PDB file of N, CA and C in Angstrom:
ATOM      1  N   MET A   1     -32.943  16.069 -36.999  1.00  0.00           N
ATOM      2  CA  MET A   1     -33.428  14.755 -36.615  1.00  0.00           C
ATOM      3  C   MET A   1     -32.425  13.659 -36.953  1.00  0.00           C
ATOM      4  N   VAL A   2     -31.717  13.827 -38.039  1.00  0.00           N
ATOM      5  CA  VAL A   2     -30.734  12.819 -38.414  1.00  0.00           C
ATOM      6  C   VAL A   2     -29.639  12.751 -37.351  1.00  0.00           C
ATOM      7  N   ARG A   3     -29.233  13.892 -36.882  1.00  0.00           N
ATOM      8  CA  ARG A   3     -28.198  13.928 -35.851  1.00  0.00           C
ATOM      9  C   ARG A   3     -28.683  13.254 -34.571  1.00  0.00           C
ATOM     10  N   ARG A   4     -29.915  13.481 -34.192  1.00  0.00           N
ATOM     11  CA  ARG A   4     -30.462  12.890 -32.975  1.00  0.00           C
ATOM     12  C   ARG A   4     -30.494  11.365 -33.084  1.00  0.00           C
ATOM     13  N   ARG A   5     -30.882  10.840 -34.237  1.00  0.00           N
ATOM     14  CA  ARG A   5     -30.914   9.384 -34.422  1.00  0.00           C
ATOM     15  C   ARG A   5     -29.510   8.798 -34.362  1.00  0.00           C
ATOM     16  N   ARG A   6     -28.546   9.500 -34.935  1.00  0.00           N
ATOM     17  CA  ARG A   6     -27.185   9.000 -34.930  1.00  0.00           C
ATOM     18  C   ARG A   6     -26.630   8.960 -33.504  1.00  0.00           C
ATOM     19  N   LEU A   7     -26.902   9.956 -32.712  1.00  0.00           N
ATOM     20  CA  LEU A   7     -26.430   9.986 -31.325  1.00  0.00           C
ATOM     21  C   LEU A   7     -27.161   8.978 -30.460  1.00  0.00           C
ATOM     22  N   ALA A   8     -28.408   8.705 -30.744  1.00  0.00           N
ATOM     23  CA  ALA A   8     -29.176   7.747 -29.950  1.00  0.00           C
ATOM     24  C   ALA A   8     -28.582   6.347 -30.065  1.00  0.00           C
ATOM     25  N   GLY A   9     -27.926   6.026 -31.173  1.00  0.00           N
ATOM     26  CA  GLY A   9     -27.318   4.713 -31.355  1.00  0.00           C
ATOM     27  C   GLY A   9     -26.114   4.491 -30.445  1.00  0.00           C
ATOM     28  N   ASP A  10     -25.501   5.545 -29.954  1.00  0.00           N
ATOM     29  CA  ASP A  10     -24.326   5.430 -29.090  1.00  0.00           C
ATOM     30  C   ASP A  10     -24.669   5.598 -27.618  1.00  0.00           C
ATOM     31  N   ALA A  11     -25.918   5.466 -27.273  1.00  0.00           N
ATOM     32  CA  ALA A  11     -26.345   5.752 -25.898  1.00  0.00           C
ATOM     33  C   ALA A  11     -25.617   4.900 -24.868  1.00  0.00           C
ATOM     34  N   GLY A  12     -25.345   3.641 -25.161  1.00  0.00           N
ATOM     35  CA  GLY A  12     -24.698   2.768 -24.186  1.00  0.00           C
ATOM     36  C   GLY A  12     -23.192   2.693 -24.313  1.00  0.00           C
ATOM     37  N   MET A  13     -22.620   3.400 -25.261  1.00  0.00           N
ATOM     38  CA  MET A  13     -21.190   3.307 -25.481  1.00  0.00           C
ATOM     39  C   MET A  13     -20.379   3.762 -24.277  1.00  0.00           C
ATOM     40  N   ASN A  14     -20.715   4.856 -23.665  1.00  0.00           N
ATOM     41  CA  ASN A  14     -19.942   5.343 -22.525  1.00  0.00           C
ATOM     42  C   ASN A  14     -19.969   4.356 -21.374  1.00  0.00           C
ATOM     43  N   THR A  15     -21.118   3.775 -21.116  1.00  0.00           N
ATOM     44  CA  THR A  15     -21.234   2.807 -20.034  1.00  0.00           C
ATOM     45  C   THR A  15     -20.356   1.594 -20.303  1.00  0.00           C
ATOM     46  N   ALA A  16     -20.350   1.112 -21.530  1.00  0.00           N
ATOM     47  CA  ALA A  16     -19.520  -0.046 -21.873  1.00  0.00           C
ATOM     48  C   ALA A  16     -18.039   0.290 -21.722  1.00  0.00           C
ATOM     49  N   GLU A  17     -17.646   1.485 -22.135  1.00  0.00           N
ATOM     50  CA  GLU A  17     -16.246   1.873 -22.000  1.00  0.00           C
ATOM     51  C   GLU A  17     -15.833   1.984 -20.537  1.00  0.00           C
ATOM     52  N   TYR A  18     -16.692   2.529 -19.713  1.00  0.00           N
ATOM     53  CA  TYR A  18     -16.391   2.606 -18.277  1.00  0.00           C
ATOM     54  C   TYR A  18     -16.307   1.217 -17.669  1.00  0.00           C
ATOM     55  N   ALA A  19     -17.171   0.314 -18.103  1.00  0.00           N
ATOM     56  CA  ALA A  19     -17.152  -1.050 -17.563  1.00  0.00           C
ATOM     57  C   ALA A  19     -15.842  -1.745 -17.919  1.00  0.00           C
ATOM     58  N   VAL A  20     -15.397  -1.610 -19.158  1.00  0.00           N
ATOM     59  CA  VAL A  20     -14.132  -2.233 -19.573  1.00  0.00           C
ATOM     60  C   VAL A  20     -12.963  -1.592 -18.841  1.00  0.00           C
ATOM     61  N   GLY A  21     -12.980  -0.283 -18.693  1.00  0.00           N
ATOM     62  CA  GLY A  21     -11.913   0.396 -17.966  1.00  0.00           C
ATOM     63  C   GLY A  21     -11.857  -0.007 -16.505  1.00  0.00           C
ATOM     64  N   THR A  22     -13.015  -0.133 -15.885  1.00  0.00           N
ATOM     65  CA  THR A  22     -13.078  -0.560 -14.487  1.00  0.00           C
ATOM     66  C   THR A  22     -12.575  -1.984 -14.338  1.00  0.00           C
ATOM     67  N   LEU A  23     -12.973  -2.858 -15.249  1.00  0.00           N
ATOM     68  CA  LEU A  23     -12.520  -4.252 -15.209  1.00  0.00           C
ATOM     69  C   LEU A  23     -11.003  -4.335 -15.371  1.00  0.00           C
ATOM     70  N   ALA A  24     -10.447  -3.534 -16.264  1.00  0.00           N
ATOM     71  CA  ALA A  24      -8.995  -3.522 -16.454  1.00  0.00           C
ATOM     72  C   ALA A  24      -8.286  -3.008 -15.205  1.00  0.00           C
ATOM     73  N   ALA A  25      -8.835  -1.986 -14.567  1.00  0.00           N
ATOM     74  CA  ALA A  25      -8.224  -1.443 -13.354  1.00  0.00           C
ATOM     75  C   ALA A  25      -8.244  -2.459 -12.219  1.00  0.00           C
ATOM     76  N   VAL A  26      -9.338  -3.175 -12.084  1.00  0.00           N
ATOM     77  CA  VAL A  26      -9.444  -4.200 -11.033  1.00  0.00           C
ATOM     78  C   VAL A  26      -8.475  -5.339 -11.305  1.00  0.00           C
ATOM     79  N   ALA A  27      -8.353  -5.742 -12.561  1.00  0.00           N
ATOM     80  CA  ALA A  27      -7.405  -6.803 -12.899  1.00  0.00           C
ATOM     81  C   ALA A  27      -5.968  -6.365 -12.608  1.00  0.00           C
ATOM     82  N   PHE A  28      -5.635  -5.121 -12.963  1.00  0.00           N
ATOM     83  CA  PHE A  28      -4.297  -4.605 -12.690  1.00  0.00           C
ATOM     84  C   PHE A  28      -4.037  -4.538 -11.185  1.00  0.00           C
ATOM     85  N   ALA A  29      -5.039  -4.118 -10.419  1.00  0.00           N
ATOM     86  CA  ALA A  29      -4.886  -4.060  -8.956  1.00  0.00           C
ATOM     87  C   ALA A  29      -4.661  -5.454  -8.382  1.00  0.00           C
ATOM     88  N   GLY A  30      -5.352  -6.447  -8.927  1.00  0.00           N
ATOM     89  CA  GLY A  30      -5.155  -7.824  -8.458  1.00  0.00           C
ATOM     90  C   GLY A  30      -3.755  -8.326  -8.732  1.00  0.00           C
ATOM     91  N   VAL A  31      -3.247  -8.057  -9.922  1.00  0.00           N
ATOM     92  CA  VAL A  31      -1.881  -8.469 -10.258  1.00  0.00           C
ATOM     93  C   VAL A  31      -0.880  -7.728  -9.391  1.00  0.00           C
ATOM     94  N   LEU A  32      -1.095  -6.436  -9.199  1.00  0.00           N
ATOM     95  CA  LEU A  32      -0.190  -5.650  -8.360  1.00  0.00           C
ATOM     96  C   LEU A  32      -0.188  -6.151  -6.919  1.00  0.00           C
ATOM     97  N   LEU A  33      -1.348  -6.483  -6.400  1.00  0.00           N
ATOM     98  CA  LEU A  33      -1.436  -7.022  -5.044  1.00  0.00           C
ATOM     99  C   LEU A  33      -0.686  -8.336  -4.929  1.00  0.00           C
ATOM    100  N   LYS A  34      -0.813  -9.191  -5.937  1.00  0.00           N
ATOM    101  CA  LYS A  34      -0.128 -10.481  -5.920  1.00  0.00           C
ATOM    102  C   LYS A  34       1.388 -10.278  -5.947  1.00  0.00           C
ATOM    103  N   VAL A  35       1.856  -9.311  -6.730  1.00  0.00           N
ATOM    104  CA  VAL A  35       3.300  -9.053  -6.823  1.00  0.00           C
ATOM    105  C   VAL A  35       3.823  -8.482  -5.512  1.00  0.00           C
ATOM    106  N   VAL A  36       3.118  -7.507  -4.943  1.00  0.00           N
ATOM    107  CA  VAL A  36       3.594  -6.843  -3.726  1.00  0.00           C
ATOM    108  C   VAL A  36       3.582  -7.796  -2.538  1.00  0.00           C
ATOM    109  N   THR A  37       2.645  -8.717  -2.491  1.00  0.00           N
ATOM    110  CA  THR A  37       2.570  -9.642  -1.359  1.00  0.00           C
ATOM    111  C   THR A  37       3.408 -10.900  -1.571  1.00  0.00           C
ATOM    112  N   SER A  38       4.131 -10.987  -2.686  1.00  0.00           N
ATOM    113  CA  SER A  38       4.997 -12.153  -2.889  1.00  0.00           C
ATOM    114  C   SER A  38       6.172 -12.074  -1.915  1.00  0.00           C
ATOM    115  N   THR A  39       6.758 -13.204  -1.636  1.00  0.00           N
ATOM    116  CA  THR A  39       7.819 -13.296  -0.628  1.00  0.00           C
ATOM    117  C   THR A  39       9.031 -12.433  -0.985  1.00  0.00           C
ATOM    118  N   GLY A  40       9.484 -12.509  -2.232  1.00  0.00           N
ATOM    119  CA  GLY A  40      10.674 -11.750  -2.633  1.00  0.00           C
ATOM    120  C   GLY A  40      10.487 -10.251  -2.528  1.00  0.00           C
ATOM    121  N   VAL A  41       9.367  -9.768  -3.018  1.00  0.00           N
ATOM    122  CA  VAL A  41       9.099  -8.332  -2.962  1.00  0.00           C
ATOM    123  C   VAL A  41       8.885  -7.889  -1.518  1.00  0.00           C
ATOM    124  N   PHE A  42       8.209  -8.718  -0.738  1.00  0.00           N
ATOM    125  CA  PHE A  42       7.980  -8.378   0.669  1.00  0.00           C
ATOM    126  C   PHE A  42       9.303  -8.234   1.415  1.00  0.00           C
ATOM    127  N   ARG A  43      10.217  -9.159   1.169  1.00  0.00           N
ATOM    128  CA  ARG A  43      11.532  -9.087   1.830  1.00  0.00           C
ATOM    129  C   ARG A  43      12.311  -7.857   1.382  1.00  0.00           C
ATOM    130  N   ALA A  44      12.247  -7.549   0.088  1.00  0.00           N
ATOM    131  CA  ALA A  44      12.964  -6.374  -0.423  1.00  0.00           C
ATOM    132  C   ALA A  44      12.404  -5.092   0.183  1.00  0.00           C
ATOM    133  N   LEU A  45      11.087  -4.968   0.236  1.00  0.00           N
ATOM    134  CA  LEU A  45      10.470  -3.780   0.837  1.00  0.00           C
ATOM    135  C   LEU A  45      10.786  -3.678   2.321  1.00  0.00           C
ATOM    136  N   THR A  46      10.769  -4.817   3.005  1.00  0.00           N
ATOM    137  CA  THR A  46      11.106  -4.814   4.430  1.00  0.00           C
ATOM    138  C   THR A  46      12.544  -4.374   4.643  1.00  0.00           C
ATOM    139  N   GLY A  47      13.440  -4.850   3.775  1.00  0.00           N
ATOM    140  CA  GLY A  47      14.837  -4.445   3.884  1.00  0.00           C
ATOM    141  C   GLY A  47      15.031  -2.963   3.653  1.00  0.00           C
ATOM    142  N   VAL A  48      14.328  -2.416   2.692  1.00  0.00           N
ATOM    143  CA  VAL A  48      14.439  -0.974   2.416  1.00  0.00           C
ATOM    144  C   VAL A  48      13.924  -0.165   3.595  1.00  0.00           C
ATOM    145  N   ILE A  49      12.787  -0.580   4.158  1.00  0.00           N
ATOM    146  CA  ILE A  49      12.197   0.142   5.281  1.00  0.00           C
ATOM    147  C   ILE A  49      13.090   0.038   6.514  1.00  0.00           C
ATOM    148  N   GLU A  50      13.606  -1.160   6.798  1.00  0.00           N
ATOM    149  CA  GLU A  50      14.499  -1.322   7.944  1.00  0.00           C
ATOM    150  C   GLU A  50      15.773  -0.507   7.780  1.00  0.00           C
ATOM    151  N   GLY A  51      16.293  -0.479   6.550  1.00  0.00           N
ATOM    152  CA  GLY A  51      17.499   0.328   6.296  1.00  0.00           C
ATOM    153  C   GLY A  51      17.244   1.810   6.486  1.00  0.00           C
ATOM    154  N   ALA A  52      16.064   2.262   6.124  1.00  0.00           N
ATOM    155  CA  ALA A  52      15.738   3.674   6.271  1.00  0.00           C
ATOM    156  C   ALA A  52      15.546   4.039   7.739  1.00  0.00           C
ATOM    157  N   LEU A  53      15.093   3.114   8.553  1.00  0.00           N
ATOM    158  CA  LEU A  53      14.842   3.390   9.963  1.00  0.00           C
ATOM    159  C   LEU A  53      16.104   3.341  10.811  1.00  0.00           C
ATOM    160  N   ARG A  54      17.177   2.801  10.295  1.00  0.00           N
ATOM    161  CA  ARG A  54      18.424   2.697  11.069  1.00  0.00           C
ATOM    162  C   ARG A  54      19.211   3.958  11.024  1.00  0.00           C
TER     163      ARG A  54
END
C-alpha cells in the first residue's frame, strides 16, 4: 500500500513532461522556420539548389 500511495502522487508527472517537451519542440520549430525563411538563408539555399541543377 505504501508503494501505491507513492506512485499515485506522480500520476500527472508524465503529462506535464510531455507538455513541456511539446512546447519546447514547437518553440524550436518556430525559430527554425524564422531562420529558414529569412532572406539570407533563402538566398543561400536557392544558390545551392540552382548550382546543383546546373
